[in-house]
Amino acid sequence: MLFDAGDTLIRLSGSGEQLLHGAAADLGADPIDPGKVSDVWGRVLARSSTAEELAKGRDLAADRHREVWTALYAEAGCDDLHPGLSDALYARTVSAESWEAFPDTLTTLKTLRHRGLPVGIVSDTGFDLRPALDRLGLSPWVDTVVMSFEHGVCKPAASCFLTACTHLGADPARTLMVGDNPLTDSGAVGAGMCVFLLPRPSRTGPRGLEHVLSLVGEPG
């Protein structure tokens, strides 16, 4: 079993506006007008998934990840709200304490282990997810974590998924990749795997990982 990480097993806690307010508080800033914060965060969201931003290779190296994201935050107006807010917001988003697991993540991973299946994570990320996985109690149930910035290649490249299979000693033809992004996670098809794509998560409640378990038989 392979899983994407962000918005599949884990996600940033709270809203983007809450993250931004928290970053401002880290700097000792006076409370910022919520409307201005909402406007800035809206610009962050509008730019972050554009082809232009994705082409900057932010998930290929840790230094590049920081450079691209802090520049995006600054261009969206973070530093206009308070000096240094772009750097403080970046520090917040990569902190292990800022991430939460979906309510059904741990149960799903434990069940897969009980059924004798090795589990890997394949993530496009420019920072190390392991501290967050450790803090959330997920690491004992994950056998390998393949992160793009450590390998210099992002999904949908087949090599991302094949590397994880090699680490697990798994046959790609007998491996299921679970994710949420059809543009990236579906690249596992090119590696000879089956892919199960989840819809966008709701703000509360379980992720819907019980559907994954329905595809995996009981041991024996």
N, C-alpha and C. Protein backbone atom coordinates (compact mmCIF):
# COMPACT_ATOMS: atom_id res chain seq x y z
N MET A 1 0.84 -1.18 0.00
CA MET A 1 0.00 0.00 0.00
C MET A 1 0.88 1.24 0.00
N LEU A 2 0.57 2.18 -0.88
CA LEU A 2 1.24 3.48 -0.89
C LEU A 2 0.19 4.57 -0.70
N PHE A 3 0.57 5.60 0.06
CA PHE A 3 -0.32 6.73 0.30
C PHE A 3 0.39 8.03 0.00
N ASP A 4 -0.35 8.97 -0.56
CA ASP A 4 0.05 10.36 -0.52
C ASP A 4 -0.04 10.82 0.93
N ALA A 5 0.60 11.94 1.26
CA ALA A 5 0.56 12.45 2.63
C ALA A 5 -0.45 13.58 2.78
N GLY A 6 -0.13 14.77 2.27
CA GLY A 6 -0.96 15.94 2.47
C GLY A 6 -2.34 15.81 1.86
N ASP A 7 -3.36 16.01 2.67
CA ASP A 7 -4.77 15.92 2.30
C ASP A 7 -5.22 14.50 1.99
N THR A 8 -4.36 13.52 2.28
CA THR A 8 -4.76 12.11 2.20
C THR A 8 -4.68 11.47 3.58
N LEU A 9 -3.53 11.60 4.24
CA LEU A 9 -3.36 11.09 5.60
C LEU A 9 -3.31 12.21 6.64
N ILE A 10 -2.70 13.33 6.26
CA ILE A 10 -2.52 14.44 7.19
C ILE A 10 -2.87 15.75 6.48
N ARG A 11 -3.04 16.81 7.28
CA ARG A 11 -3.30 18.14 6.72
C ARG A 11 -2.88 19.19 7.74
N LEU A 12 -2.71 20.41 7.26
CA LEU A 12 -2.45 21.52 8.15
C LEU A 12 -3.66 21.76 9.05
N SER A 13 -3.40 21.98 10.33
CA SER A 13 -4.49 22.19 11.29
C SER A 13 -5.10 23.58 11.10
N GLY A 14 -6.41 23.65 11.19
CA GLY A 14 -7.09 24.94 11.12
C GLY A 14 -7.10 25.52 9.72
N SER A 15 -7.58 26.74 9.63
CA SER A 15 -7.66 27.42 8.34
C SER A 15 -6.36 28.15 8.04
N GLY A 16 -6.21 28.56 6.78
CA GLY A 16 -5.05 29.36 6.42
C GLY A 16 -5.02 30.68 7.16
N GLU A 17 -6.17 31.27 7.37
CA GLU A 17 -6.24 32.51 8.12
C GLU A 17 -5.74 32.32 9.55
N GLN A 18 -6.09 31.19 10.16
CA GLN A 18 -5.62 30.91 11.51
C GLN A 18 -4.10 30.75 11.55
N LEU A 19 -3.56 30.11 10.53
CA LEU A 19 -2.10 29.98 10.44
C LEU A 19 -1.44 31.35 10.35
N LEU A 20 -2.03 32.21 9.56
CA LEU A 20 -1.46 33.53 9.36
C LEU A 20 -1.54 34.37 10.64
N HIS A 21 -2.67 34.30 11.32
CA HIS A 21 -2.80 34.99 12.60
C HIS A 21 -1.78 34.44 13.61
N GLY A 22 -1.60 33.12 13.61
CA GLY A 22 -0.65 32.52 14.52
C GLY A 22 0.78 32.95 14.24
N ALA A 23 1.12 33.04 12.95
CA ALA A 23 2.46 33.49 12.57
C ALA A 23 2.69 34.93 13.01
N ALA A 24 1.66 35.77 12.89
CA ALA A 24 1.77 37.15 13.34
C ALA A 24 1.97 37.21 14.84
N ALA A 25 1.26 36.35 15.57
CA ALA A 25 1.43 36.30 17.02
C ALA A 25 2.83 35.86 17.40
N ASP A 26 3.42 34.95 16.61
CA ASP A 26 4.80 34.52 16.88
C ASP A 26 5.77 35.70 16.81
N LEU A 27 5.43 36.70 16.00
CA LEU A 27 6.28 37.88 15.84
C LEU A 27 5.96 38.96 16.87
N GLY A 28 4.95 38.72 17.69
CA GLY A 28 4.55 39.73 18.65
C GLY A 28 3.75 40.85 18.05
N ALA A 29 3.14 40.61 16.90
CA ALA A 29 2.39 41.65 16.21
C ALA A 29 1.06 41.90 16.92
N ASP A 30 0.58 43.12 16.81
CA ASP A 30 -0.77 43.44 17.27
C ASP A 30 -1.77 42.69 16.40
N PRO A 31 -2.98 42.42 16.92
CA PRO A 31 -3.98 41.73 16.10
C PRO A 31 -4.19 42.44 14.76
N ILE A 32 -4.27 41.63 13.70
CA ILE A 32 -4.42 42.15 12.34
C ILE A 32 -5.87 42.02 11.91
N ASP A 33 -6.35 42.99 11.17
CA ASP A 33 -7.72 43.00 10.70
C ASP A 33 -8.04 41.69 9.96
N PRO A 34 -9.05 40.94 10.42
CA PRO A 34 -9.38 39.66 9.77
C PRO A 34 -9.67 39.77 8.28
N GLY A 35 -10.26 40.88 7.86
CA GLY A 35 -10.55 41.05 6.45
C GLY A 35 -9.28 41.13 5.62
N LYS A 36 -8.27 41.83 6.13
CA LYS A 36 -7.00 41.92 5.41
C LYS A 36 -6.31 40.56 5.36
N VAL A 37 -6.37 39.84 6.48
CA VAL A 37 -5.78 38.50 6.51
C VAL A 37 -6.46 37.59 5.49
N SER A 38 -7.79 37.67 5.43
CA SER A 38 -8.53 36.84 4.49
C SER A 38 -8.17 37.17 3.04
N ASP A 39 -8.00 38.45 2.76
CA ASP A 39 -7.62 38.87 1.40
C ASP A 39 -6.24 38.31 1.02
N VAL A 40 -5.30 38.42 1.96
CA VAL A 40 -3.95 37.93 1.68
C VAL A 40 -3.96 36.42 1.49
N TRP A 41 -4.66 35.71 2.36
CA TRP A 41 -4.68 34.25 2.23
C TRP A 41 -5.38 33.83 0.94
N GLY A 42 -6.38 34.57 0.54
CA GLY A 42 -7.04 34.28 -0.73
C GLY A 42 -6.07 34.39 -1.90
N ARG A 43 -5.19 35.39 -1.85
CA ARG A 43 -4.19 35.54 -2.92
C ARG A 43 -3.16 34.41 -2.87
N VAL A 44 -2.82 33.96 -1.66
CA VAL A 44 -1.91 32.82 -1.53
C VAL A 44 -2.52 31.59 -2.21
N LEU A 45 -3.77 31.31 -1.90
CA LEU A 45 -4.44 30.14 -2.48
C LEU A 45 -4.55 30.26 -4.00
N ALA A 46 -4.87 31.46 -4.47
CA ALA A 46 -5.05 31.65 -5.91
C ALA A 46 -3.76 31.41 -6.68
N ARG A 47 -2.62 31.77 -6.08
CA ARG A 47 -1.34 31.64 -6.79
C ARG A 47 -0.68 30.28 -6.61
N SER A 48 -0.94 29.64 -5.47
CA SER A 48 -0.12 28.47 -5.08
C SER A 48 -0.26 27.29 -6.03
N SER A 49 -1.41 27.13 -6.66
CA SER A 49 -1.62 25.97 -7.53
C SER A 49 -1.56 26.30 -9.01
N THR A 50 -1.09 27.50 -9.37
CA THR A 50 -0.99 27.86 -10.78
C THR A 50 0.17 27.11 -11.43
N ALA A 51 0.09 26.96 -12.74
CA ALA A 51 1.16 26.29 -13.48
C ALA A 51 2.49 27.02 -13.30
N GLU A 52 2.42 28.34 -13.23
CA GLU A 52 3.64 29.13 -13.06
C GLU A 52 4.33 28.81 -11.75
N GLU A 53 3.57 28.70 -10.67
CA GLU A 53 4.16 28.38 -9.37
C GLU A 53 4.68 26.94 -9.34
N LEU A 54 3.88 26.03 -9.85
CA LEU A 54 4.29 24.62 -9.83
C LEU A 54 5.55 24.38 -10.65
N ALA A 55 5.77 25.22 -11.67
CA ALA A 55 6.95 25.05 -12.53
C ALA A 55 8.23 25.52 -11.86
N LYS A 56 8.13 26.12 -10.69
CA LYS A 56 9.31 26.66 -10.02
C LYS A 56 10.10 25.60 -9.25
N GLY A 57 9.61 24.37 -9.25
CA GLY A 57 10.35 23.28 -8.63
C GLY A 57 10.47 23.38 -7.12
N ARG A 58 9.41 23.86 -6.48
CA ARG A 58 9.49 24.10 -5.04
C ARG A 58 9.63 22.83 -4.22
N ASP A 59 9.23 21.69 -4.76
CA ASP A 59 9.32 20.44 -4.00
C ASP A 59 10.54 19.60 -4.36
N LEU A 60 11.47 20.18 -5.11
CA LEU A 60 12.64 19.41 -5.53
C LEU A 60 13.82 19.56 -4.60
N ALA A 61 13.82 20.58 -3.74
CA ALA A 61 14.93 20.79 -2.81
C ALA A 61 14.44 21.66 -1.66
N ALA A 62 15.00 21.44 -0.48
CA ALA A 62 14.55 22.16 0.71
C ALA A 62 14.77 23.66 0.58
N ASP A 63 15.95 24.08 0.10
CA ASP A 63 16.21 25.51 -0.05
C ASP A 63 15.26 26.14 -1.06
N ARG A 64 15.00 25.43 -2.14
CA ARG A 64 14.09 25.95 -3.16
C ARG A 64 12.68 26.06 -2.61
N HIS A 65 12.26 25.11 -1.80
CA HIS A 65 10.93 25.12 -1.21
C HIS A 65 10.74 26.38 -0.37
N ARG A 66 11.70 26.67 0.48
CA ARG A 66 11.60 27.87 1.31
C ARG A 66 11.59 29.14 0.45
N GLU A 67 12.48 29.19 -0.52
CA GLU A 67 12.60 30.37 -1.38
C GLU A 67 11.30 30.65 -2.12
N VAL A 68 10.72 29.63 -2.73
CA VAL A 68 9.52 29.82 -3.54
C VAL A 68 8.32 30.20 -2.68
N TRP A 69 8.16 29.51 -1.55
CA TRP A 69 6.98 29.78 -0.73
C TRP A 69 7.06 31.14 -0.04
N THR A 70 8.21 31.50 0.48
CA THR A 70 8.30 32.81 1.14
C THR A 70 8.12 33.94 0.12
N ALA A 71 8.60 33.73 -1.10
CA ALA A 71 8.38 34.73 -2.15
C ALA A 71 6.90 34.85 -2.48
N LEU A 72 6.22 33.72 -2.56
CA LEU A 72 4.78 33.74 -2.84
C LEU A 72 4.04 34.47 -1.73
N TYR A 73 4.39 34.16 -0.47
CA TYR A 73 3.72 34.84 0.65
C TYR A 73 3.95 36.35 0.60
N ALA A 74 5.18 36.75 0.29
CA ALA A 74 5.50 38.17 0.22
C ALA A 74 4.72 38.85 -0.90
N GLU A 75 4.66 38.19 -2.07
CA GLU A 75 3.94 38.77 -3.20
C GLU A 75 2.44 38.87 -2.93
N ALA A 76 1.93 37.96 -2.10
CA ALA A 76 0.51 38.00 -1.75
C ALA A 76 0.19 39.08 -0.72
N GLY A 77 1.23 39.67 -0.10
CA GLY A 77 1.01 40.78 0.81
C GLY A 77 1.25 40.50 2.27
N CYS A 78 1.86 39.35 2.60
CA CYS A 78 2.08 39.02 4.01
C CYS A 78 2.93 40.08 4.72
N ASP A 79 4.02 40.48 4.11
CA ASP A 79 4.92 41.42 4.77
C ASP A 79 4.33 42.83 4.85
N ASP A 80 3.29 43.09 4.06
CA ASP A 80 2.58 44.36 4.18
C ASP A 80 1.73 44.37 5.45
N LEU A 81 1.30 43.18 5.88
CA LEU A 81 0.53 43.09 7.12
C LEU A 81 1.42 43.28 8.34
N HIS A 82 2.65 42.71 8.26
CA HIS A 82 3.62 42.87 9.34
C HIS A 82 4.99 42.45 8.80
N PRO A 83 6.03 43.21 9.07
CA PRO A 83 7.37 42.86 8.58
C PRO A 83 7.79 41.47 9.07
N GLY A 84 8.31 40.68 8.14
CA GLY A 84 8.80 39.35 8.49
C GLY A 84 7.73 38.28 8.54
N LEU A 85 6.49 38.64 8.18
CA LEU A 85 5.41 37.66 8.30
C LEU A 85 5.54 36.51 7.31
N SER A 86 6.13 36.76 6.16
CA SER A 86 6.31 35.67 5.18
C SER A 86 7.19 34.56 5.75
N ASP A 87 8.30 34.95 6.38
CA ASP A 87 9.19 33.96 6.97
C ASP A 87 8.52 33.25 8.14
N ALA A 88 7.77 34.00 8.96
CA ALA A 88 7.10 33.40 10.11
C ALA A 88 6.01 32.43 9.68
N LEU A 89 5.29 32.77 8.60
CA LEU A 89 4.26 31.88 8.10
C LEU A 89 4.87 30.60 7.54
N TYR A 90 5.97 30.73 6.84
CA TYR A 90 6.64 29.54 6.32
C TYR A 90 7.07 28.63 7.47
N ALA A 91 7.65 29.22 8.52
CA ALA A 91 8.07 28.43 9.67
C ALA A 91 6.90 27.69 10.29
N ARG A 92 5.75 28.34 10.32
CA ARG A 92 4.55 27.70 10.86
C ARG A 92 4.13 26.50 10.02
N THR A 93 4.13 26.66 8.71
CA THR A 93 3.60 25.61 7.85
C THR A 93 4.49 24.37 7.80
N VAL A 94 5.76 24.52 8.07
CA VAL A 94 6.65 23.35 8.04
C VAL A 94 6.89 22.78 9.43
N SER A 95 6.30 23.37 10.44
CA SER A 95 6.46 22.88 11.80
C SER A 95 5.61 21.63 12.02
N ALA A 96 6.17 20.64 12.68
CA ALA A 96 5.42 19.41 12.96
C ALA A 96 4.15 19.68 13.75
N GLU A 97 4.20 20.71 14.59
CA GLU A 97 3.05 21.03 15.44
C GLU A 97 1.87 21.58 14.65
N SER A 98 2.08 21.98 13.41
CA SER A 98 1.00 22.57 12.61
C SER A 98 0.18 21.54 11.84
N TRP A 99 0.54 20.27 11.95
CA TRP A 99 -0.13 19.23 11.17
C TRP A 99 -0.98 18.33 12.04
N GLU A 100 -2.06 17.84 11.46
CA GLU A 100 -2.94 16.90 12.15
C GLU A 100 -3.25 15.73 11.23
N ALA A 101 -3.55 14.60 11.82
CA ALA A 101 -3.98 13.43 11.06
C ALA A 101 -5.50 13.45 10.95
N PHE A 102 -6.01 12.93 9.86
CA PHE A 102 -7.46 12.74 9.76
C PHE A 102 -7.90 11.73 10.81
N PRO A 103 -9.13 11.82 11.27
CA PRO A 103 -9.58 10.94 12.36
C PRO A 103 -9.44 9.45 12.07
N ASP A 104 -9.52 9.06 10.81
CA ASP A 104 -9.46 7.64 10.47
C ASP A 104 -8.09 7.19 9.96
N THR A 105 -7.09 8.08 10.01
CA THR A 105 -5.78 7.71 9.47
C THR A 105 -5.09 6.64 10.30
N LEU A 106 -4.98 6.85 11.60
CA LEU A 106 -4.24 5.90 12.43
C LEU A 106 -4.91 4.53 12.43
N THR A 107 -6.22 4.51 12.53
CA THR A 107 -6.93 3.23 12.52
C THR A 107 -6.70 2.48 11.22
N THR A 108 -6.71 3.22 10.12
CA THR A 108 -6.48 2.59 8.82
C THR A 108 -5.09 1.99 8.72
N LEU A 109 -4.08 2.75 9.14
CA LEU A 109 -2.71 2.23 9.06
C LEU A 109 -2.52 1.02 9.97
N LYS A 110 -3.11 1.06 11.16
CA LYS A 110 -3.01 -0.09 12.07
C LYS A 110 -3.69 -1.31 11.47
N THR A 111 -4.83 -1.11 10.85
CA THR A 111 -5.56 -2.23 10.24
C THR A 111 -4.76 -2.85 9.10
N LEU A 112 -4.13 -2.02 8.30
CA LEU A 112 -3.30 -2.54 7.21
C LEU A 112 -2.13 -3.35 7.75
N ARG A 113 -1.52 -2.87 8.82
CA ARG A 113 -0.42 -3.63 9.43
C ARG A 113 -0.93 -4.97 9.96
N HIS A 114 -2.12 -4.96 10.59
CA HIS A 114 -2.72 -6.20 11.08
C HIS A 114 -2.96 -7.18 9.95
N ARG A 115 -3.27 -6.65 8.78
CA ARG A 115 -3.53 -7.52 7.63
C ARG A 115 -2.26 -7.91 6.89
N GLY A 116 -1.12 -7.51 7.43
CA GLY A 116 0.17 -7.95 6.91
C GLY A 116 0.67 -7.19 5.70
N LEU A 117 0.15 -5.99 5.48
CA LEU A 117 0.55 -5.22 4.30
C LEU A 117 1.60 -4.16 4.65
N PRO A 118 2.71 -4.14 3.93
CA PRO A 118 3.67 -3.04 4.12
C PRO A 118 3.09 -1.74 3.58
N VAL A 119 3.41 -0.64 4.25
CA VAL A 119 2.82 0.66 3.90
C VAL A 119 3.92 1.68 3.64
N GLY A 120 3.78 2.43 2.56
CA GLY A 120 4.71 3.51 2.26
C GLY A 120 3.97 4.80 1.98
N ILE A 121 4.68 5.91 2.15
CA ILE A 121 4.16 7.24 1.80
C ILE A 121 5.02 7.79 0.67
N VAL A 122 4.35 8.35 -0.34
CA VAL A 122 5.03 9.01 -1.45
C VAL A 122 4.49 10.44 -1.51
N SER A 123 5.35 11.42 -1.23
CA SER A 123 4.88 12.79 -1.09
C SER A 123 5.74 13.78 -1.86
N ASP A 124 5.08 14.69 -2.56
CA ASP A 124 5.77 15.85 -3.12
C ASP A 124 5.88 16.89 -2.02
N THR A 125 7.06 17.08 -1.48
CA THR A 125 7.27 18.00 -0.37
C THR A 125 8.70 18.51 -0.39
N GLY A 126 8.88 19.74 0.07
CA GLY A 126 10.21 20.32 0.15
C GLY A 126 10.74 20.38 1.56
N PHE A 127 10.05 19.72 2.50
CA PHE A 127 10.53 19.65 3.89
C PHE A 127 10.22 18.27 4.45
N ASP A 128 10.90 17.92 5.51
CA ASP A 128 10.81 16.57 6.07
C ASP A 128 9.50 16.38 6.83
N LEU A 129 8.70 15.43 6.40
CA LEU A 129 7.43 15.14 7.06
C LEU A 129 7.58 14.22 8.26
N ARG A 130 8.73 13.61 8.43
CA ARG A 130 8.87 12.60 9.48
C ARG A 130 8.59 13.14 10.89
N PRO A 131 9.06 14.36 11.24
CA PRO A 131 8.73 14.86 12.58
C PRO A 131 7.22 14.96 12.82
N ALA A 132 6.47 15.36 11.82
CA ALA A 132 5.01 15.42 11.97
C ALA A 132 4.43 14.01 12.12
N LEU A 133 4.92 13.07 11.32
CA LEU A 133 4.44 11.69 11.42
C LEU A 133 4.76 11.10 12.78
N ASP A 134 5.95 11.44 13.30
CA ASP A 134 6.33 10.97 14.64
C ASP A 134 5.39 11.54 15.69
N ARG A 135 5.16 12.85 15.63
CA ARG A 135 4.34 13.51 16.64
C ARG A 135 2.91 12.99 16.63
N LEU A 136 2.42 12.64 15.45
CA LEU A 136 1.04 12.17 15.31
C LEU A 136 0.90 10.67 15.56
N GLY A 137 1.99 10.00 15.87
CA GLY A 137 1.94 8.58 16.17
C GLY A 137 1.76 7.69 14.96
N LEU A 138 2.07 8.20 13.78
CA LEU A 138 1.88 7.43 12.54
C LEU A 138 3.11 6.65 12.12
N SER A 139 4.28 7.12 12.51
CA SER A 139 5.53 6.52 12.03
C SER A 139 5.65 5.02 12.30
N PRO A 140 5.23 4.51 13.46
CA PRO A 140 5.36 3.07 13.69
C PRO A 140 4.58 2.20 12.70
N TRP A 141 3.65 2.81 11.99
CA TRP A 141 2.79 2.05 11.09
C TRP A 141 3.12 2.30 9.62
N VAL A 142 4.21 3.01 9.39
CA VAL A 142 4.65 3.32 8.02
C VAL A 142 6.06 2.76 7.84
N ASP A 143 6.26 1.99 6.78
CA ASP A 143 7.53 1.30 6.58
C ASP A 143 8.55 2.11 5.78
N THR A 144 8.09 3.03 4.94
CA THR A 144 9.02 3.88 4.20
C THR A 144 8.32 5.18 3.83
N VAL A 145 9.11 6.25 3.74
CA VAL A 145 8.60 7.56 3.33
C VAL A 145 9.50 8.08 2.21
N VAL A 146 8.93 8.25 1.04
CA VAL A 146 9.67 8.75 -0.12
C VAL A 146 9.21 10.19 -0.36
N MET A 147 10.13 11.14 -0.18
CA MET A 147 9.81 12.55 -0.32
C MET A 147 10.59 13.15 -1.48
N SER A 148 9.90 13.94 -2.27
CA SER A 148 10.47 14.43 -3.53
C SER A 148 11.77 15.20 -3.32
N PHE A 149 11.87 16.00 -2.27
CA PHE A 149 13.06 16.83 -2.11
C PHE A 149 14.31 16.01 -1.81
N GLU A 150 14.12 14.79 -1.32
CA GLU A 150 15.27 13.91 -1.06
C GLU A 150 15.73 13.18 -2.31
N HIS A 151 14.88 13.12 -3.32
CA HIS A 151 15.21 12.36 -4.53
C HIS A 151 15.31 13.24 -5.77
N GLY A 152 14.91 14.51 -5.65
CA GLY A 152 15.01 15.42 -6.78
C GLY A 152 14.05 15.12 -7.90
N VAL A 153 12.94 14.49 -7.59
CA VAL A 153 11.93 14.19 -8.61
C VAL A 153 10.56 14.18 -7.95
N CYS A 154 9.56 14.67 -8.69
CA CYS A 154 8.20 14.77 -8.17
C CYS A 154 7.26 13.83 -8.90
N LYS A 155 6.17 13.48 -8.24
CA LYS A 155 5.07 12.83 -8.94
C LYS A 155 4.57 13.78 -10.05
N PRO A 156 4.14 13.27 -11.16
CA PRO A 156 3.71 11.89 -11.43
C PRO A 156 4.80 10.96 -11.97
N ALA A 157 6.06 11.32 -11.86
CA ALA A 157 7.13 10.45 -12.37
C ALA A 157 7.02 9.06 -11.77
N ALA A 158 7.07 8.05 -12.62
CA ALA A 158 6.93 6.66 -12.15
C ALA A 158 8.00 6.29 -11.14
N SER A 159 9.18 6.90 -11.25
CA SER A 159 10.29 6.53 -10.36
C SER A 159 9.95 6.79 -8.89
N CYS A 160 9.11 7.79 -8.61
CA CYS A 160 8.72 8.06 -7.21
C CYS A 160 8.05 6.85 -6.59
N PHE A 161 7.13 6.26 -7.33
CA PHE A 161 6.36 5.13 -6.83
C PHE A 161 7.20 3.85 -6.84
N LEU A 162 8.02 3.70 -7.85
CA LEU A 162 8.87 2.50 -7.93
C LEU A 162 9.92 2.49 -6.83
N THR A 163 10.42 3.67 -6.46
CA THR A 163 11.37 3.74 -5.35
C THR A 163 10.73 3.25 -4.07
N ALA A 164 9.49 3.66 -3.82
CA ALA A 164 8.79 3.21 -2.62
C ALA A 164 8.58 1.70 -2.64
N CYS A 165 8.22 1.16 -3.80
CA CYS A 165 8.03 -0.29 -3.91
C CYS A 165 9.33 -1.03 -3.65
N THR A 166 10.43 -0.50 -4.14
CA THR A 166 11.73 -1.12 -3.88
C THR A 166 12.02 -1.15 -2.40
N HIS A 167 11.76 -0.03 -1.72
CA HIS A 167 12.00 0.02 -0.27
C HIS A 167 11.13 -0.99 0.48
N LEU A 168 9.93 -1.23 -0.02
CA LEU A 168 9.01 -2.15 0.65
C LEU A 168 9.22 -3.59 0.22
N GLY A 169 9.97 -3.80 -0.84
CA GLY A 169 10.09 -5.14 -1.41
C GLY A 169 8.77 -5.59 -2.02
N ALA A 170 8.02 -4.63 -2.58
CA ALA A 170 6.69 -4.91 -3.10
C ALA A 170 6.68 -4.95 -4.62
N ASP A 171 5.83 -5.79 -5.16
CA ASP A 171 5.62 -5.87 -6.60
C ASP A 171 4.67 -4.74 -7.01
N PRO A 172 5.10 -3.83 -7.90
CA PRO A 172 4.21 -2.74 -8.31
C PRO A 172 2.85 -3.21 -8.80
N ALA A 173 2.81 -4.35 -9.48
CA ALA A 173 1.55 -4.85 -10.02
C ALA A 173 0.59 -5.28 -8.92
N ARG A 174 1.11 -5.47 -7.71
CA ARG A 174 0.27 -5.87 -6.58
C ARG A 174 0.21 -4.77 -5.52
N THR A 175 0.46 -3.54 -5.94
CA THR A 175 0.50 -2.40 -5.03
C THR A 175 -0.59 -1.40 -5.38
N LEU A 176 -1.25 -0.88 -4.36
CA LEU A 176 -2.30 0.13 -4.54
C LEU A 176 -1.79 1.48 -4.04
N MET A 177 -1.90 2.50 -4.88
CA MET A 177 -1.55 3.87 -4.52
C MET A 177 -2.83 4.64 -4.20
N VAL A 178 -2.86 5.27 -3.03
CA VAL A 178 -4.02 6.04 -2.58
C VAL A 178 -3.63 7.50 -2.48
N GLY A 179 -4.38 8.37 -3.14
CA GLY A 179 -4.09 9.79 -3.09
C GLY A 179 -5.33 10.62 -3.35
N ASP A 180 -5.11 11.91 -3.61
CA ASP A 180 -6.25 12.81 -3.85
C ASP A 180 -6.07 13.68 -5.08
N ASN A 181 -4.91 13.62 -5.70
CA ASN A 181 -4.64 14.51 -6.82
C ASN A 181 -4.50 13.71 -8.11
N PRO A 182 -5.46 13.84 -9.03
CA PRO A 182 -5.39 13.05 -10.27
C PRO A 182 -4.21 13.42 -11.16
N LEU A 183 -3.66 14.62 -10.99
CA LEU A 183 -2.55 15.04 -11.84
C LEU A 183 -1.22 14.45 -11.40
N THR A 184 -1.10 14.12 -10.13
CA THR A 184 0.18 13.63 -9.61
C THR A 184 0.10 12.17 -9.15
N ASP A 185 -0.87 11.86 -8.32
CA ASP A 185 -0.94 10.51 -7.76
C ASP A 185 -1.27 9.47 -8.81
N SER A 186 -1.96 9.87 -9.87
CA SER A 186 -2.29 8.91 -10.93
C SER A 186 -1.06 8.47 -11.71
N GLY A 187 0.07 9.12 -11.49
CA GLY A 187 1.31 8.69 -12.13
C GLY A 187 1.70 7.27 -11.77
N ALA A 188 1.15 6.77 -10.67
CA ALA A 188 1.44 5.39 -10.28
C ALA A 188 0.96 4.39 -11.33
N VAL A 189 -0.02 4.77 -12.12
CA VAL A 189 -0.50 3.89 -13.19
C VAL A 189 0.65 3.60 -14.16
N GLY A 190 1.47 4.63 -14.41
CA GLY A 190 2.61 4.45 -15.30
C GLY A 190 3.67 3.53 -14.73
N ALA A 191 3.60 3.31 -13.42
CA ALA A 191 4.53 2.38 -12.77
C ALA A 191 3.93 0.99 -12.63
N GLY A 192 2.76 0.80 -13.23
CA GLY A 192 2.12 -0.51 -13.23
C GLY A 192 1.23 -0.78 -12.03
N MET A 193 0.85 0.27 -11.29
CA MET A 193 0.04 0.09 -10.08
C MET A 193 -1.41 0.46 -10.34
N CYS A 194 -2.27 -0.01 -9.46
CA CYS A 194 -3.63 0.48 -9.40
C CYS A 194 -3.64 1.73 -8.52
N VAL A 195 -4.56 2.63 -8.81
CA VAL A 195 -4.65 3.90 -8.07
C VAL A 195 -6.07 4.11 -7.59
N PHE A 196 -6.20 4.55 -6.34
CA PHE A 196 -7.49 4.89 -5.76
C PHE A 196 -7.44 6.35 -5.34
N LEU A 197 -8.29 7.18 -5.97
CA LEU A 197 -8.28 8.62 -5.69
C LEU A 197 -9.47 9.00 -4.81
N LEU A 198 -9.18 9.70 -3.73
CA LEU A 198 -10.20 10.18 -2.82
C LEU A 198 -10.70 11.56 -3.25
N PRO A 199 -11.96 11.90 -2.96
CA PRO A 199 -12.43 13.26 -3.23
C PRO A 199 -11.79 14.25 -2.27
N ARG A 200 -12.02 15.52 -2.48
CA ARG A 200 -11.49 16.54 -1.58
C ARG A 200 -12.02 16.30 -0.17
N PRO A 201 -11.19 16.48 0.84
CA PRO A 201 -11.65 16.21 2.21
C PRO A 201 -12.61 17.29 2.71
N SER A 202 -13.52 16.90 3.57
CA SER A 202 -14.36 17.87 4.26
C SER A 202 -13.56 18.48 5.40
N ARG A 203 -14.02 19.58 5.94
CA ARG A 203 -13.28 20.25 7.00
C ARG A 203 -13.30 19.46 8.30
N THR A 204 -14.31 18.65 8.52
CA THR A 204 -14.40 17.87 9.75
C THR A 204 -14.72 16.42 9.41
N GLY A 205 -14.49 15.54 10.37
CA GLY A 205 -14.85 14.14 10.20
C GLY A 205 -13.76 13.32 9.54
N PRO A 206 -14.02 12.04 9.37
CA PRO A 206 -13.02 11.13 8.79
C PRO A 206 -12.75 11.43 7.32
N ARG A 207 -11.62 10.93 6.85
CA ARG A 207 -11.18 11.17 5.47
C ARG A 207 -11.93 10.31 4.48
N GLY A 208 -12.46 9.18 4.93
CA GLY A 208 -13.09 8.24 4.01
C GLY A 208 -12.19 7.08 3.67
N LEU A 209 -11.21 6.83 4.53
CA LEU A 209 -10.24 5.77 4.26
C LEU A 209 -10.82 4.37 4.42
N GLU A 210 -12.04 4.29 4.96
CA GLU A 210 -12.68 2.97 5.06
C GLU A 210 -12.90 2.37 3.67
N HIS A 211 -12.99 3.23 2.66
CA HIS A 211 -13.14 2.73 1.29
C HIS A 211 -11.88 1.99 0.84
N VAL A 212 -10.74 2.46 1.33
CA VAL A 212 -9.48 1.77 1.00
C VAL A 212 -9.47 0.39 1.62
N LEU A 213 -9.90 0.30 2.88
CA LEU A 213 -9.89 -0.98 3.57
C LEU A 213 -10.82 -1.98 2.90
N SER A 214 -11.88 -1.50 2.27
CA SER A 214 -12.81 -2.40 1.60
C SER A 214 -12.17 -3.07 0.38
N LEU A 215 -11.05 -2.51 -0.10
CA LEU A 215 -10.38 -3.09 -1.25
C LEU A 215 -9.30 -4.10 -0.84
N VAL A 216 -9.04 -4.18 0.46
CA VAL A 216 -7.95 -5.02 0.95
C VAL A 216 -8.56 -6.15 1.80
N GLY A 217 -8.22 -7.38 1.44
CA GLY A 217 -8.79 -8.51 2.15
C GLY A 217 -8.20 -8.73 3.53
N GLU A 218 -8.87 -9.55 4.30
CA GLU A 218 -8.39 -9.95 5.63
C GLU A 218 -7.19 -10.89 5.47
N PRO A 219 -6.33 -10.99 6.49
CA PRO A 219 -5.18 -11.90 6.40
C PRO A 219 -5.62 -13.35 6.32
N GLY A 220 -4.77 -14.14 5.68
CA GLY A 220 -5.02 -15.56 5.61
C GLY A 220 -5.97 -15.94 4.48
